[in-house]
Amino acid sequence: MPHTYLVTGANRGLGLEFARQLAARGDQILATARDPERATDLARLVHDVIPPDLRNPQSSEGLAERIGDRPIDVLINNAGAASESKSIEAVGFDELQRAFAINSTGPMLVTRAVLKNLRAGQRKTVFNISSQLGSIANNRGGSSYGYRASKAALNQLTVTLANELRHEGFTCVVAHPGWVQTDMGGRNAPMQPEESVGHLLRLIDRLKPDDSGKFFNYDGTTLPW
């Protein structure tokens, strides 16, 4: 049975691949892109391209107005930003602020903006793209301070959301997509976007409310916090 998905950051990389695979199987797709006029590949695949900026709190309110009363079955918070700082001496306020705004604060504001739409949907699922770099237990290296910390924050926020909405039948999880050949992952990554998204969609399809609050690897196994 077709469902309605909202995919953020869908103009390239994993987000665009989500749109391709969802369109191929007949699902309805709403998508966000910071510059819709340049997202020509995306526009051919989805029902609506919406231009929120996750660094702007007012932007999420515009997202809610644009979507209106349309039910959403699954929200995929995919938009993300890397951070380059390799040492504590290199960490700066602007880089940290940007990482948290896009990787953790932004997904929560998007979720809040479309909560009524998710409540009206059949699956009530919030699927947040995190990273194994957000795992504190698995942190054995330095670098990427803002990225690691903001993904850890996203993990915490998602568990909190899961606990709050559990009684309504929501399923709220975070997932590591693997090391993927995207602008963020680079050319040396071992996985192609189509492989990663194929795994992630199979994971989404089999999620149930009992899974809410979990941290998944792309292959469906769980990761430590």
N, C-alpha and C. Protein backbone atom coordinates (compact mmCIF):
# COMPACT_ATOMS: atom_id res chain seq x y z
N MET A 1 0.85 -1.20 0.00
CA MET A 1 0.00 0.00 0.00
C MET A 1 0.88 1.24 0.00
N PRO A 2 0.66 2.18 -0.94
CA PRO A 2 1.48 3.39 -0.99
C PRO A 2 1.30 4.26 0.26
N HIS A 3 2.38 4.92 0.66
CA HIS A 3 2.35 5.83 1.79
C HIS A 3 2.89 7.19 1.37
N THR A 4 2.69 8.18 2.24
CA THR A 4 3.21 9.52 1.99
C THR A 4 4.43 9.76 2.86
N TYR A 5 5.52 10.15 2.21
CA TYR A 5 6.79 10.41 2.88
C TYR A 5 7.14 11.88 2.74
N LEU A 6 7.72 12.45 3.80
CA LEU A 6 8.37 13.75 3.73
C LEU A 6 9.85 13.50 3.92
N VAL A 7 10.66 13.90 2.93
CA VAL A 7 12.11 13.70 2.96
C VAL A 7 12.79 15.07 2.96
N THR A 8 13.61 15.33 3.98
CA THR A 8 14.33 16.61 4.01
C THR A 8 15.70 16.45 3.36
N GLY A 9 16.21 17.56 2.84
CA GLY A 9 17.52 17.54 2.20
C GLY A 9 17.56 16.60 1.01
N ALA A 10 16.56 16.70 0.12
CA ALA A 10 16.38 15.70 -0.93
C ALA A 10 16.91 16.12 -2.29
N ASN A 11 17.64 17.21 -2.35
CA ASN A 11 18.11 17.68 -3.65
C ASN A 11 19.33 16.91 -4.17
N ARG A 12 20.00 16.12 -3.30
CA ARG A 12 21.18 15.38 -3.74
C ARG A 12 21.44 14.23 -2.76
N GLY A 13 22.45 13.42 -3.08
CA GLY A 13 22.91 12.38 -2.17
C GLY A 13 21.82 11.40 -1.77
N LEU A 14 21.82 11.05 -0.48
CA LEU A 14 20.86 10.08 0.03
C LEU A 14 19.43 10.56 -0.14
N GLY A 15 19.19 11.86 0.08
CA GLY A 15 17.84 12.37 -0.03
C GLY A 15 17.25 12.19 -1.41
N LEU A 16 18.05 12.48 -2.44
CA LEU A 16 17.59 12.30 -3.81
C LEU A 16 17.37 10.82 -4.11
N GLU A 17 18.23 9.97 -3.58
CA GLU A 17 18.07 8.53 -3.80
C GLU A 17 16.82 8.01 -3.10
N PHE A 18 16.52 8.54 -1.90
CA PHE A 18 15.25 8.19 -1.26
C PHE A 18 14.09 8.53 -2.19
N ALA A 19 14.12 9.72 -2.78
CA ALA A 19 13.04 10.14 -3.67
C ALA A 19 12.95 9.21 -4.88
N ARG A 20 14.09 8.82 -5.45
CA ARG A 20 14.08 7.93 -6.61
C ARG A 20 13.42 6.59 -6.27
N GLN A 21 13.86 6.00 -5.17
CA GLN A 21 13.36 4.66 -4.85
C GLN A 21 11.91 4.69 -4.38
N LEU A 22 11.52 5.72 -3.66
CA LEU A 22 10.13 5.83 -3.23
C LEU A 22 9.21 6.07 -4.42
N ALA A 23 9.66 6.90 -5.36
CA ALA A 23 8.86 7.16 -6.56
C ALA A 23 8.71 5.89 -7.39
N ALA A 24 9.78 5.10 -7.47
CA ALA A 24 9.74 3.88 -8.28
C ALA A 24 8.74 2.87 -7.74
N ARG A 25 8.51 2.89 -6.45
CA ARG A 25 7.56 1.92 -5.90
C ARG A 25 6.17 2.51 -5.68
N GLY A 26 5.96 3.76 -6.09
CA GLY A 26 4.62 4.33 -6.11
C GLY A 26 4.19 5.10 -4.90
N ASP A 27 5.13 5.40 -3.99
CA ASP A 27 4.77 6.20 -2.82
C ASP A 27 4.66 7.67 -3.19
N GLN A 28 3.91 8.42 -2.39
CA GLN A 28 3.80 9.86 -2.58
C GLN A 28 4.90 10.54 -1.78
N ILE A 29 5.57 11.52 -2.40
CA ILE A 29 6.74 12.13 -1.78
C ILE A 29 6.59 13.64 -1.72
N LEU A 30 6.77 14.18 -0.52
CA LEU A 30 6.99 15.60 -0.31
C LEU A 30 8.46 15.74 0.06
N ALA A 31 9.12 16.77 -0.43
CA ALA A 31 10.56 16.87 -0.22
C ALA A 31 10.97 18.31 0.02
N THR A 32 12.06 18.47 0.77
CA THR A 32 12.60 19.81 0.98
C THR A 32 13.96 19.94 0.29
N ALA A 33 14.21 21.14 -0.20
CA ALA A 33 15.50 21.48 -0.81
C ALA A 33 15.70 22.97 -0.61
N ARG A 34 16.91 23.37 -0.23
CA ARG A 34 17.15 24.79 0.05
C ARG A 34 16.98 25.65 -1.19
N ASP A 35 17.24 25.10 -2.37
CA ASP A 35 17.11 25.86 -3.62
C ASP A 35 16.29 25.04 -4.62
N PRO A 36 14.96 25.10 -4.50
CA PRO A 36 14.10 24.26 -5.35
C PRO A 36 14.30 24.49 -6.84
N GLU A 37 14.66 25.71 -7.25
CA GLU A 37 14.81 25.99 -8.66
C GLU A 37 15.97 25.20 -9.28
N ARG A 38 16.94 24.83 -8.45
CA ARG A 38 18.08 24.06 -8.95
C ARG A 38 17.88 22.56 -8.76
N ALA A 39 16.84 22.18 -8.06
CA ALA A 39 16.59 20.76 -7.78
C ALA A 39 15.74 20.15 -8.88
N THR A 40 16.24 20.20 -10.12
CA THR A 40 15.44 19.76 -11.26
C THR A 40 15.22 18.24 -11.26
N ASP A 41 16.25 17.48 -10.88
CA ASP A 41 16.08 16.01 -10.82
C ASP A 41 15.04 15.63 -9.79
N LEU A 42 15.06 16.32 -8.67
CA LEU A 42 14.11 16.04 -7.60
C LEU A 42 12.68 16.38 -8.03
N ALA A 43 12.53 17.52 -8.70
CA ALA A 43 11.19 17.98 -9.08
C ALA A 43 10.47 16.99 -9.98
N ARG A 44 11.22 16.19 -10.74
CA ARG A 44 10.59 15.21 -11.62
C ARG A 44 10.08 13.98 -10.87
N LEU A 45 10.49 13.85 -9.61
CA LEU A 45 10.18 12.64 -8.85
C LEU A 45 9.10 12.82 -7.79
N VAL A 46 8.94 14.04 -7.28
CA VAL A 46 8.13 14.24 -6.09
C VAL A 46 6.88 15.06 -6.39
N HIS A 47 5.98 15.08 -5.42
CA HIS A 47 4.73 15.81 -5.58
C HIS A 47 4.86 17.28 -5.20
N ASP A 48 5.84 17.61 -4.36
CA ASP A 48 6.03 19.00 -3.95
C ASP A 48 7.45 19.17 -3.42
N VAL A 49 8.15 20.23 -3.89
CA VAL A 49 9.47 20.57 -3.39
C VAL A 49 9.33 21.84 -2.56
N ILE A 50 9.74 21.76 -1.30
CA ILE A 50 9.52 22.83 -0.33
C ILE A 50 10.88 23.37 0.11
N PRO A 51 11.04 24.69 0.23
CA PRO A 51 12.37 25.26 0.46
C PRO A 51 12.69 25.74 1.88
N PRO A 52 12.61 24.90 2.92
CA PRO A 52 12.99 25.41 4.23
C PRO A 52 14.50 25.44 4.43
N ASP A 53 14.97 26.34 5.27
CA ASP A 53 16.37 26.41 5.68
C ASP A 53 16.41 25.99 7.15
N LEU A 54 17.05 24.85 7.44
CA LEU A 54 17.02 24.31 8.79
C LEU A 54 17.74 25.18 9.80
N ARG A 55 18.48 26.18 9.34
CA ARG A 55 19.16 27.09 10.26
C ARG A 55 18.24 28.23 10.69
N ASN A 56 17.06 28.30 10.09
CA ASN A 56 16.13 29.40 10.36
C ASN A 56 14.88 28.84 11.04
N PRO A 57 14.67 29.16 12.34
CA PRO A 57 13.51 28.60 13.06
C PRO A 57 12.17 28.94 12.41
N GLN A 58 12.07 30.11 11.78
CA GLN A 58 10.81 30.49 11.14
C GLN A 58 10.52 29.64 9.91
N SER A 59 11.56 29.03 9.36
CA SER A 59 11.39 28.26 8.14
C SER A 59 10.49 27.05 8.37
N SER A 60 10.57 26.44 9.54
CA SER A 60 9.73 25.27 9.82
C SER A 60 8.26 25.63 9.87
N GLU A 61 7.96 26.86 10.29
CA GLU A 61 6.56 27.30 10.29
C GLU A 61 6.04 27.41 8.87
N GLY A 62 6.89 27.89 7.96
CA GLY A 62 6.50 27.94 6.55
C GLY A 62 6.29 26.56 5.96
N LEU A 63 7.07 25.60 6.43
CA LEU A 63 6.91 24.22 5.99
C LEU A 63 5.52 23.71 6.35
N ALA A 64 5.09 23.96 7.58
CA ALA A 64 3.77 23.51 8.02
C ALA A 64 2.66 24.13 7.18
N GLU A 65 2.80 25.41 6.86
CA GLU A 65 1.80 26.09 6.04
C GLU A 65 1.74 25.50 4.64
N ARG A 66 2.91 25.19 4.09
CA ARG A 66 2.98 24.64 2.73
C ARG A 66 2.34 23.25 2.66
N ILE A 67 2.55 22.44 3.66
CA ILE A 67 2.00 21.08 3.65
C ILE A 67 0.52 21.07 3.96
N GLY A 68 0.08 22.03 4.78
CA GLY A 68 -1.34 22.12 5.10
C GLY A 68 -1.81 20.93 5.93
N ASP A 69 -2.93 20.35 5.54
CA ASP A 69 -3.53 19.25 6.31
C ASP A 69 -3.22 17.87 5.73
N ARG A 70 -2.27 17.80 4.79
CA ARG A 70 -1.97 16.51 4.19
C ARG A 70 -1.37 15.54 5.21
N PRO A 71 -1.90 14.34 5.34
CA PRO A 71 -1.30 13.35 6.24
C PRO A 71 0.09 12.94 5.76
N ILE A 72 0.97 12.68 6.71
CA ILE A 72 2.30 12.16 6.42
C ILE A 72 2.47 10.86 7.20
N ASP A 73 2.83 9.80 6.50
CA ASP A 73 3.03 8.51 7.15
C ASP A 73 4.43 8.39 7.74
N VAL A 74 5.44 8.83 6.99
CA VAL A 74 6.84 8.70 7.42
C VAL A 74 7.58 9.99 7.14
N LEU A 75 8.22 10.52 8.18
CA LEU A 75 9.13 11.66 8.04
C LEU A 75 10.55 11.13 8.05
N ILE A 76 11.32 11.42 7.00
CA ILE A 76 12.73 11.06 6.95
C ILE A 76 13.54 12.34 7.07
N ASN A 77 14.08 12.58 8.26
CA ASN A 77 14.94 13.74 8.49
C ASN A 77 16.35 13.38 8.02
N ASN A 78 16.62 13.71 6.76
CA ASN A 78 17.87 13.32 6.12
C ASN A 78 18.87 14.46 6.02
N ALA A 79 18.41 15.71 5.99
CA ALA A 79 19.32 16.83 5.80
C ALA A 79 20.40 16.84 6.87
N GLY A 80 21.64 17.07 6.45
CA GLY A 80 22.74 17.07 7.41
C GLY A 80 23.91 17.88 6.90
N ALA A 81 24.84 18.20 7.80
CA ALA A 81 26.02 18.97 7.45
C ALA A 81 27.22 18.41 8.19
N ALA A 82 28.35 18.37 7.50
CA ALA A 82 29.59 17.88 8.10
C ALA A 82 30.28 19.01 8.88
N SER A 83 31.31 18.63 9.63
CA SER A 83 32.19 19.61 10.28
C SER A 83 33.62 19.14 10.08
N GLU A 84 34.53 20.09 9.93
CA GLU A 84 35.88 19.75 9.49
C GLU A 84 36.94 19.84 10.59
N SER A 85 36.60 20.36 11.74
CA SER A 85 37.62 20.58 12.78
C SER A 85 38.27 19.27 13.20
N LYS A 86 39.61 19.22 13.13
CA LYS A 86 40.36 18.02 13.48
C LYS A 86 40.94 18.07 14.90
N SER A 87 40.93 19.23 15.52
CA SER A 87 41.52 19.37 16.85
C SER A 87 40.74 20.40 17.64
N ILE A 88 40.93 20.39 18.96
CA ILE A 88 40.23 21.34 19.81
C ILE A 88 40.65 22.77 19.49
N GLU A 89 41.90 22.95 19.06
CA GLU A 89 42.34 24.30 18.71
C GLU A 89 41.61 24.86 17.50
N ALA A 90 41.14 23.96 16.64
CA ALA A 90 40.47 24.41 15.42
C ALA A 90 38.97 24.59 15.56
N VAL A 91 38.40 24.12 16.65
CA VAL A 91 36.95 24.22 16.82
C VAL A 91 36.54 25.68 17.01
N GLY A 92 35.51 26.09 16.25
CA GLY A 92 35.02 27.46 16.37
C GLY A 92 33.53 27.52 16.59
N PHE A 93 33.06 28.64 17.09
CA PHE A 93 31.64 28.80 17.41
C PHE A 93 30.76 28.61 16.18
N ASP A 94 31.12 29.25 15.06
CA ASP A 94 30.26 29.21 13.88
C ASP A 94 30.08 27.79 13.36
N GLU A 95 31.18 27.02 13.34
CA GLU A 95 31.08 25.65 12.86
C GLU A 95 30.21 24.80 13.77
N LEU A 96 30.39 24.94 15.09
CA LEU A 96 29.58 24.18 16.03
C LEU A 96 28.11 24.57 15.93
N GLN A 97 27.85 25.86 15.85
CA GLN A 97 26.47 26.34 15.77
C GLN A 97 25.78 25.81 14.51
N ARG A 98 26.49 25.85 13.39
CA ARG A 98 25.92 25.35 12.13
C ARG A 98 25.62 23.86 12.22
N ALA A 99 26.55 23.08 12.77
CA ALA A 99 26.35 21.63 12.87
C ALA A 99 25.12 21.30 13.72
N PHE A 100 24.99 21.96 14.86
CA PHE A 100 23.84 21.68 15.74
C PHE A 100 22.54 22.16 15.11
N ALA A 101 22.58 23.31 14.45
CA ALA A 101 21.35 23.84 13.84
C ALA A 101 20.81 22.90 12.77
N ILE A 102 21.70 22.35 11.95
CA ILE A 102 21.25 21.52 10.83
C ILE A 102 21.04 20.06 11.25
N ASN A 103 21.93 19.54 12.09
CA ASN A 103 21.92 18.11 12.39
C ASN A 103 21.03 17.70 13.56
N SER A 104 20.74 18.62 14.48
CA SER A 104 19.94 18.22 15.64
C SER A 104 18.74 19.14 15.85
N THR A 105 18.97 20.44 15.97
CA THR A 105 17.84 21.36 16.18
C THR A 105 16.87 21.32 15.00
N GLY A 106 17.42 21.37 13.79
CA GLY A 106 16.59 21.39 12.59
C GLY A 106 15.62 20.23 12.49
N PRO A 107 16.09 18.98 12.63
CA PRO A 107 15.15 17.85 12.55
C PRO A 107 14.04 17.89 13.58
N MET A 108 14.34 18.39 14.80
CA MET A 108 13.30 18.47 15.81
C MET A 108 12.26 19.53 15.46
N LEU A 109 12.72 20.65 14.90
CA LEU A 109 11.77 21.70 14.52
C LEU A 109 10.91 21.25 13.34
N VAL A 110 11.50 20.51 12.42
CA VAL A 110 10.71 19.95 11.32
C VAL A 110 9.66 18.98 11.86
N THR A 111 10.08 18.12 12.78
CA THR A 111 9.14 17.16 13.37
C THR A 111 8.00 17.88 14.08
N ARG A 112 8.33 18.90 14.84
CA ARG A 112 7.29 19.66 15.52
C ARG A 112 6.34 20.30 14.51
N ALA A 113 6.89 20.83 13.43
CA ALA A 113 6.07 21.54 12.44
C ALA A 113 5.05 20.62 11.77
N VAL A 114 5.40 19.34 11.58
CA VAL A 114 4.50 18.43 10.86
C VAL A 114 3.89 17.39 11.78
N LEU A 115 3.90 17.64 13.08
CA LEU A 115 3.39 16.65 14.03
C LEU A 115 1.92 16.34 13.79
N LYS A 116 1.13 17.36 13.49
CA LYS A 116 -0.29 17.09 13.24
C LYS A 116 -0.47 16.24 11.99
N ASN A 117 0.41 16.43 11.00
CA ASN A 117 0.33 15.63 9.78
C ASN A 117 0.72 14.18 10.05
N LEU A 118 1.74 13.99 10.88
CA LEU A 118 2.15 12.63 11.27
C LEU A 118 1.06 11.95 12.09
N ARG A 119 0.42 12.70 12.95
CA ARG A 119 -0.67 12.13 13.75
C ARG A 119 -1.83 11.68 12.86
N ALA A 120 -2.00 12.35 11.72
CA ALA A 120 -3.07 11.99 10.79
C ALA A 120 -2.67 10.85 9.87
N GLY A 121 -1.38 10.51 9.86
CA GLY A 121 -0.90 9.45 8.98
C GLY A 121 -1.13 8.06 9.56
N GLN A 122 -0.90 7.06 8.73
CA GLN A 122 -1.13 5.68 9.16
C GLN A 122 0.05 5.10 9.94
N ARG A 123 1.28 5.52 9.60
CA ARG A 123 2.45 4.86 10.20
C ARG A 123 3.06 5.64 11.36
N LYS A 124 2.86 6.93 11.42
CA LYS A 124 3.34 7.75 12.54
C LYS A 124 4.83 7.48 12.82
N THR A 125 5.65 7.58 11.79
CA THR A 125 7.06 7.21 11.90
C THR A 125 7.96 8.41 11.66
N VAL A 126 8.92 8.60 12.58
CA VAL A 126 9.97 9.63 12.42
C VAL A 126 11.29 8.87 12.32
N PHE A 127 11.93 8.99 11.17
CA PHE A 127 13.15 8.25 10.87
C PHE A 127 14.27 9.28 10.69
N ASN A 128 15.13 9.40 11.69
CA ASN A 128 16.18 10.41 11.67
C ASN A 128 17.51 9.80 11.24
N ILE A 129 18.12 10.37 10.21
CA ILE A 129 19.41 9.90 9.75
C ILE A 129 20.49 10.44 10.67
N SER A 130 21.12 9.55 11.40
CA SER A 130 22.19 9.91 12.32
C SER A 130 23.51 9.41 11.74
N SER A 131 24.42 8.98 12.58
CA SER A 131 25.71 8.45 12.15
C SER A 131 26.31 7.65 13.28
N GLN A 132 27.10 6.64 12.93
CA GLN A 132 27.81 5.92 13.98
C GLN A 132 28.83 6.82 14.67
N LEU A 133 29.18 7.94 14.03
CA LEU A 133 30.07 8.90 14.68
C LEU A 133 29.38 9.60 15.85
N GLY A 134 28.06 9.50 15.92
CA GLY A 134 27.33 10.04 17.05
C GLY A 134 27.28 9.11 18.24
N SER A 135 27.82 7.92 18.09
CA SER A 135 27.86 6.97 19.21
C SER A 135 29.00 7.33 20.16
N ILE A 136 28.68 7.62 21.40
CA ILE A 136 29.71 7.92 22.40
C ILE A 136 30.49 6.65 22.74
N ALA A 137 29.80 5.54 22.83
CA ALA A 137 30.46 4.27 23.18
C ALA A 137 31.48 3.86 22.13
N ASN A 138 31.23 4.19 20.87
CA ASN A 138 32.12 3.78 19.79
C ASN A 138 33.17 4.83 19.43
N ASN A 139 33.21 5.92 20.16
CA ASN A 139 34.14 7.01 19.81
C ASN A 139 35.56 6.63 20.24
N ARG A 140 36.39 6.31 19.26
CA ARG A 140 37.77 5.93 19.53
C ARG A 140 38.76 6.91 18.87
N GLY A 141 38.26 8.00 18.31
CA GLY A 141 39.13 8.93 17.62
C GLY A 141 38.73 10.36 17.89
N GLY A 142 39.49 11.28 17.33
CA GLY A 142 39.16 12.70 17.45
C GLY A 142 38.49 13.21 16.19
N SER A 143 38.59 14.48 15.96
CA SER A 143 38.10 15.17 14.76
C SER A 143 36.57 15.22 14.69
N SER A 144 36.10 16.01 13.74
CA SER A 144 34.66 16.15 13.47
C SER A 144 33.87 16.44 14.74
N TYR A 145 34.38 17.38 15.54
CA TYR A 145 33.75 17.68 16.82
C TYR A 145 32.27 18.05 16.67
N GLY A 146 32.00 18.98 15.80
CA GLY A 146 30.61 19.43 15.64
C GLY A 146 29.70 18.36 15.10
N TYR A 147 30.18 17.59 14.14
CA TYR A 147 29.37 16.54 13.55
C TYR A 147 29.06 15.44 14.57
N ARG A 148 30.10 14.97 15.26
CA ARG A 148 29.90 13.92 16.26
C ARG A 148 28.91 14.39 17.35
N ALA A 149 29.14 15.58 17.86
CA ALA A 149 28.32 16.06 18.98
C ALA A 149 26.88 16.32 18.55
N SER A 150 26.70 16.88 17.36
CA SER A 150 25.34 17.19 16.92
C SER A 150 24.56 15.93 16.59
N LYS A 151 25.23 14.89 16.10
CA LYS A 151 24.54 13.62 15.87
C LYS A 151 24.22 12.92 17.19
N ALA A 152 25.11 13.04 18.19
CA ALA A 152 24.80 12.51 19.52
C ALA A 152 23.59 13.23 20.10
N ALA A 153 23.52 14.54 19.87
CA ALA A 153 22.36 15.31 20.34
C ALA A 153 21.08 14.86 19.63
N LEU A 154 21.18 14.61 18.33
CA LEU A 154 20.02 14.11 17.59
C LEU A 154 19.55 12.78 18.16
N ASN A 155 20.50 11.91 18.51
CA ASN A 155 20.13 10.63 19.11
C ASN A 155 19.35 10.83 20.42
N GLN A 156 19.85 11.71 21.26
CA GLN A 156 19.19 11.98 22.54
C GLN A 156 17.80 12.60 22.32
N LEU A 157 17.70 13.54 21.42
CA LEU A 157 16.42 14.18 21.14
C LEU A 157 15.41 13.15 20.60
N THR A 158 15.90 12.22 19.78
CA THR A 158 14.99 11.22 19.21
C THR A 158 14.46 10.27 20.27
N VAL A 159 15.31 9.85 21.19
CA VAL A 159 14.85 8.98 22.27
C VAL A 159 13.83 9.71 23.14
N THR A 160 14.08 10.99 23.40
CA THR A 160 13.13 11.79 24.18
C THR A 160 11.79 11.89 23.46
N LEU A 161 11.85 12.11 22.15
CA LEU A 161 10.63 12.17 21.34
C LEU A 161 9.90 10.83 21.37
N ALA A 162 10.66 9.75 21.24
CA ALA A 162 10.06 8.42 21.28
C ALA A 162 9.32 8.18 22.58
N ASN A 163 9.92 8.59 23.68
CA ASN A 163 9.29 8.38 24.99
C ASN A 163 8.02 9.22 25.13
N GLU A 164 8.05 10.43 24.60
CA GLU A 164 6.88 11.30 24.72
C GLU A 164 5.71 10.80 23.88
N LEU A 165 6.01 10.31 22.68
CA LEU A 165 4.94 9.98 21.73
C LEU A 165 4.60 8.49 21.68
N ARG A 166 5.26 7.71 22.51
CA ARG A 166 5.05 6.26 22.47
C ARG A 166 3.59 5.89 22.68
N HIS A 167 2.92 6.59 23.60
CA HIS A 167 1.52 6.24 23.92
C HIS A 167 0.58 6.55 22.76
N GLU A 168 1.05 7.33 21.77
CA GLU A 168 0.23 7.62 20.60
C GLU A 168 0.49 6.65 19.46
N GLY A 169 1.37 5.68 19.68
CA GLY A 169 1.67 4.71 18.64
C GLY A 169 2.74 5.15 17.67
N PHE A 170 3.52 6.16 18.03
CA PHE A 170 4.59 6.63 17.15
C PHE A 170 5.79 5.68 17.19
N THR A 171 6.53 5.66 16.09
CA THR A 171 7.81 4.97 16.01
C THR A 171 8.87 6.00 15.63
N CYS A 172 9.77 6.30 16.56
CA CYS A 172 10.80 7.33 16.35
C CYS A 172 12.17 6.69 16.55
N VAL A 173 12.98 6.64 15.50
CA VAL A 173 14.28 5.99 15.58
C VAL A 173 15.35 6.84 14.90
N VAL A 174 16.62 6.48 15.18
CA VAL A 174 17.76 7.04 14.43
C VAL A 174 18.47 5.89 13.73
N ALA A 175 19.12 6.21 12.61
CA ALA A 175 19.79 5.16 11.84
C ALA A 175 21.08 5.70 11.21
N HIS A 176 22.10 4.86 11.22
CA HIS A 176 23.35 5.13 10.53
C HIS A 176 23.24 4.58 9.11
N PRO A 177 23.43 5.40 8.07
CA PRO A 177 23.23 4.94 6.70
C PRO A 177 24.40 4.18 6.10
N GLY A 178 25.49 4.04 6.87
CA GLY A 178 26.71 3.47 6.32
C GLY A 178 27.61 4.58 5.80
N TRP A 179 28.81 4.19 5.39
CA TRP A 179 29.74 5.15 4.78
C TRP A 179 29.45 5.13 3.28
N VAL A 180 28.87 6.23 2.80
CA VAL A 180 28.27 6.25 1.46
C VAL A 180 28.97 7.28 0.58
N GLN A 181 29.08 6.98 -0.70
CA GLN A 181 29.69 7.89 -1.67
C GLN A 181 28.73 9.03 -2.00
N THR A 182 28.77 10.04 -1.16
CA THR A 182 28.02 11.28 -1.37
C THR A 182 29.01 12.44 -1.25
N ASP A 183 28.52 13.67 -1.39
CA ASP A 183 29.40 14.83 -1.18
C ASP A 183 30.00 14.80 0.21
N MET A 184 29.25 14.34 1.20
CA MET A 184 29.74 14.28 2.57
C MET A 184 30.64 13.07 2.79
N GLY A 185 30.25 11.91 2.24
CA GLY A 185 31.01 10.68 2.47
C GLY A 185 32.29 10.58 1.68
N GLY A 186 32.33 11.24 0.52
CA GLY A 186 33.53 11.22 -0.31
C GLY A 186 33.61 10.02 -1.23
N ARG A 187 34.56 10.07 -2.15
CA ARG A 187 34.69 9.03 -3.18
C ARG A 187 35.25 7.71 -2.65
N ASN A 188 35.92 7.75 -1.52
CA ASN A 188 36.52 6.53 -0.99
C ASN A 188 35.54 5.67 -0.21
N ALA A 189 34.31 6.16 -0.01
CA ALA A 189 33.31 5.38 0.73
C ALA A 189 32.99 4.09 -0.02
N PRO A 190 32.78 2.99 0.69
CA PRO A 190 32.57 1.70 0.03
C PRO A 190 31.15 1.45 -0.47
N MET A 191 30.20 2.30 -0.09
CA MET A 191 28.80 2.02 -0.41
C MET A 191 28.23 3.10 -1.33
N GLN A 192 27.44 2.67 -2.30
CA GLN A 192 26.74 3.58 -3.19
C GLN A 192 25.41 4.01 -2.56
N PRO A 193 24.92 5.22 -2.92
CA PRO A 193 23.64 5.67 -2.33
C PRO A 193 22.49 4.70 -2.53
N GLU A 194 22.41 4.09 -3.71
CA GLU A 194 21.28 3.19 -3.97
C GLU A 194 21.31 1.98 -3.05
N GLU A 195 22.50 1.50 -2.69
CA GLU A 195 22.59 0.37 -1.77
C GLU A 195 22.17 0.77 -0.36
N SER A 196 22.68 1.91 0.10
CA SER A 196 22.34 2.38 1.44
C SER A 196 20.85 2.62 1.58
N VAL A 197 20.27 3.34 0.63
CA VAL A 197 18.84 3.66 0.71
C VAL A 197 17.98 2.41 0.59
N GLY A 198 18.42 1.44 -0.22
CA GLY A 198 17.68 0.19 -0.29
C GLY A 198 17.59 -0.50 1.06
N HIS A 199 18.73 -0.53 1.77
CA HIS A 199 18.74 -1.10 3.12
C HIS A 199 17.82 -0.30 4.05
N LEU A 200 17.94 1.03 3.99
CA LEU A 200 17.18 1.88 4.92
C LEU A 200 15.68 1.77 4.69
N LEU A 201 15.26 1.68 3.44
CA LEU A 201 13.82 1.55 3.17
C LEU A 201 13.30 0.20 3.64
N ARG A 202 14.09 -0.83 3.50
CA ARG A 202 13.66 -2.12 4.03
C ARG A 202 13.54 -2.07 5.55
N LEU A 203 14.45 -1.33 6.17
CA LEU A 203 14.37 -1.14 7.63
C LEU A 203 13.10 -0.37 8.00
N ILE A 204 12.83 0.72 7.30
CA ILE A 204 11.63 1.52 7.58
C ILE A 204 10.38 0.67 7.41
N ASP A 205 10.35 -0.13 6.36
CA ASP A 205 9.15 -0.93 6.07
C ASP A 205 8.81 -1.91 7.18
N ARG A 206 9.83 -2.38 7.90
CA ARG A 206 9.54 -3.37 8.93
C ARG A 206 9.53 -2.81 10.34
N LEU A 207 9.70 -1.49 10.47
CA LEU A 207 9.65 -0.88 11.80
C LEU A 207 8.26 -1.04 12.41
N LYS A 208 8.24 -1.17 13.73
CA LYS A 208 6.99 -1.24 14.47
C LYS A 208 7.15 -0.41 15.74
N PRO A 209 6.05 -0.05 16.41
CA PRO A 209 6.16 0.81 17.60
C PRO A 209 7.11 0.28 18.66
N ASP A 210 7.28 -1.03 18.78
CA ASP A 210 8.21 -1.58 19.78
C ASP A 210 9.66 -1.19 19.50
N ASP A 211 9.94 -0.75 18.26
CA ASP A 211 11.30 -0.34 17.90
C ASP A 211 11.59 1.11 18.27
N SER A 212 10.58 1.84 18.70
CA SER A 212 10.75 3.26 18.96
C SER A 212 11.83 3.50 20.01
N GLY A 213 12.70 4.48 19.73
CA GLY A 213 13.78 4.81 20.65
C GLY A 213 15.06 4.05 20.40
N LYS A 214 15.16 3.30 19.30
CA LYS A 214 16.36 2.51 19.02
C LYS A 214 17.30 3.23 18.05
N PHE A 215 18.56 2.81 18.07
CA PHE A 215 19.62 3.34 17.20
C PHE A 215 20.04 2.19 16.29
N PHE A 216 19.68 2.29 15.00
CA PHE A 216 19.91 1.20 14.06
C PHE A 216 21.10 1.47 13.14
N ASN A 217 21.78 0.40 12.78
CA ASN A 217 22.68 0.43 11.64
C ASN A 217 21.83 0.22 10.38
N TYR A 218 22.38 0.57 9.22
CA TYR A 218 21.61 0.45 7.99
C TYR A 218 21.11 -0.98 7.74
N ASP A 219 21.83 -1.97 8.26
CA ASP A 219 21.46 -3.37 8.02
C ASP A 219 20.43 -3.90 9.01
N GLY A 220 19.94 -3.04 9.89
CA GLY A 220 18.89 -3.45 10.82
C GLY A 220 19.39 -3.88 12.17
N THR A 221 20.71 -4.04 12.34
CA THR A 221 21.26 -4.32 13.66
C THR A 221 21.26 -3.04 14.49
N THR A 222 21.35 -3.17 15.81
CA THR A 222 21.34 -1.98 16.65
C THR A 222 22.77 -1.55 16.99
N LEU A 223 22.92 -0.26 17.24
CA LEU A 223 24.21 0.33 17.57
C LEU A 223 24.19 0.83 19.02
N PRO A 224 25.34 0.88 19.68
CA PRO A 224 25.39 1.39 21.05
C PRO A 224 25.35 2.90 21.07
N TRP A 225 24.78 3.44 22.13
CA TRP A 225 24.70 4.89 22.26
C TRP A 225 26.08 5.48 22.61
